[in-house]
Protein backbone atom coordinates (compact mmCIF):
# COMPACT_ATOMS: atom_id res chain seq x y z
CA UNK A 1 111.63 -134.84 82.32
CA UNK A 2 108.62 -133.11 83.86
CA UNK A 3 105.55 -135.03 84.94
CA UNK A 4 102.24 -133.26 84.49
CA UNK A 5 99.93 -133.20 87.46
CA UNK A 6 96.55 -134.82 87.07
CA UNK A 7 93.31 -132.93 87.70
CA UNK A 8 91.47 -133.72 90.92
CA UNK A 9 87.70 -134.16 90.75
CA UNK A 10 85.47 -134.75 93.75
CA UNK A 11 82.33 -136.82 93.88
CA UNK A 12 79.60 -134.97 95.84
CA UNK A 13 80.04 -137.15 98.95
CA UNK A 14 83.81 -136.59 99.00
CA UNK A 15 83.30 -132.83 98.71
CA UNK A 16 80.90 -132.98 101.67
CA UNK A 17 83.50 -135.01 103.60
CA UNK A 18 86.14 -132.36 102.95
CA UNK A 19 83.75 -129.58 104.02
CA UNK A 20 83.07 -131.52 107.24
CA UNK A 21 86.81 -131.77 108.00
CA UNK A 22 87.27 -128.04 107.34
CA UNK A 23 84.67 -127.29 110.01
CA UNK A 24 85.75 -129.97 112.50
CA UNK A 25 89.53 -130.34 112.47
CA UNK A 26 92.01 -127.91 110.91
CA UNK A 27 94.97 -130.20 111.53
CA UNK A 28 93.36 -133.13 109.72
CA UNK A 29 92.28 -130.78 106.95
CA UNK A 30 95.93 -129.84 106.39
CA UNK A 31 96.88 -133.51 106.30
CA UNK A 32 94.14 -134.24 103.76
CA UNK A 33 95.23 -131.34 101.56
CA UNK A 34 98.85 -132.53 101.71
CA UNK A 35 97.77 -136.06 100.79
CA UNK A 36 95.68 -134.73 97.89
CA UNK A 37 98.70 -132.81 96.55
CA UNK A 38 100.77 -135.99 96.79
CA UNK A 39 98.07 -138.06 95.11
CA UNK A 40 97.98 -135.52 92.31
CA UNK A 41 101.74 -135.86 91.75
CA UNK A 42 101.93 -139.66 92.14
CA UNK A 43 98.71 -141.55 92.93
CA UNK A 44 100.48 -144.86 93.60
CA UNK A 45 103.38 -143.93 95.92
CA UNK A 46 103.97 -141.64 98.90
CA UNK A 47 102.72 -141.12 102.42
CA UNK A 48 99.48 -142.45 103.81
CA UNK A 49 100.32 -146.02 102.76
CA UNK A 50 98.75 -146.06 99.27
CA UNK A 51 96.85 -149.30 98.81
CA UNK A 52 95.09 -150.78 95.79
CA UNK A 53 91.66 -151.90 96.96
CA UNK A 54 90.11 -155.26 96.16
CA UNK A 55 86.69 -156.83 95.81
CA UNK A 56 83.83 -154.40 95.22
CA UNK A 57 86.32 -151.52 95.30
CA UNK A 58 88.68 -153.01 92.73
CA UNK A 59 90.13 -150.18 90.65
CA UNK A 60 90.15 -147.79 93.61
CA UNK A 61 93.07 -146.77 95.80
CA UNK A 62 93.18 -145.49 99.36
CA UNK A 63 95.49 -143.49 101.60
CA UNK A 64 95.33 -143.20 105.37
CA UNK A 65 94.32 -139.91 106.87
CA UNK A 66 94.49 -141.50 110.33
CA UNK A 67 93.65 -144.88 111.89
CA UNK A 68 89.91 -144.56 111.19
CA UNK A 69 89.73 -142.46 108.00
CA UNK A 70 90.86 -142.87 104.42
CA UNK A 71 90.91 -140.97 101.16
CA UNK A 72 89.43 -143.28 98.52
CA UNK A 73 90.10 -142.45 94.87
CA UNK A 74 90.43 -143.86 91.38
CA UNK A 75 92.79 -142.85 88.60
CA UNK A 76 91.64 -142.27 85.04
CA UNK A 77 94.09 -141.02 82.37
CA UNK A 78 94.70 -137.36 83.33
CA UNK A 79 92.31 -137.12 86.24
CA UNK A 80 91.87 -138.48 89.73
CA UNK A 81 88.36 -138.88 91.11
CA UNK A 82 88.10 -138.56 94.90
CA UNK A 83 85.24 -140.74 96.18
CA UNK A 84 85.59 -140.29 99.95
CA UNK A 85 87.64 -138.36 102.51
CA UNK A 86 86.14 -139.77 105.67
CA UNK A 87 85.46 -143.20 107.09
CA UNK A 88 86.97 -146.53 106.18
CA UNK A 89 85.74 -147.73 102.76
CA UNK A 90 82.11 -146.78 103.39
């Protein structure tokens, strides 16, 4: 059985976050790219402590980049929308 990978789509702010990381910290950029590949394969399990968010962010998930930063995303059918790649649920 082969699972198909979902498409990743970035909201404008998340794309700007990723561009910021690329300029500021190559090591963190690699971590983010690895997390994004994992999210694409399985958005609900893996490294970065996947967590379903609550309250105003119900329906979104997050993964830890480091202590202060998270990837925030939501899953829709065959796509994953990345909302943020920097900060902590901003």
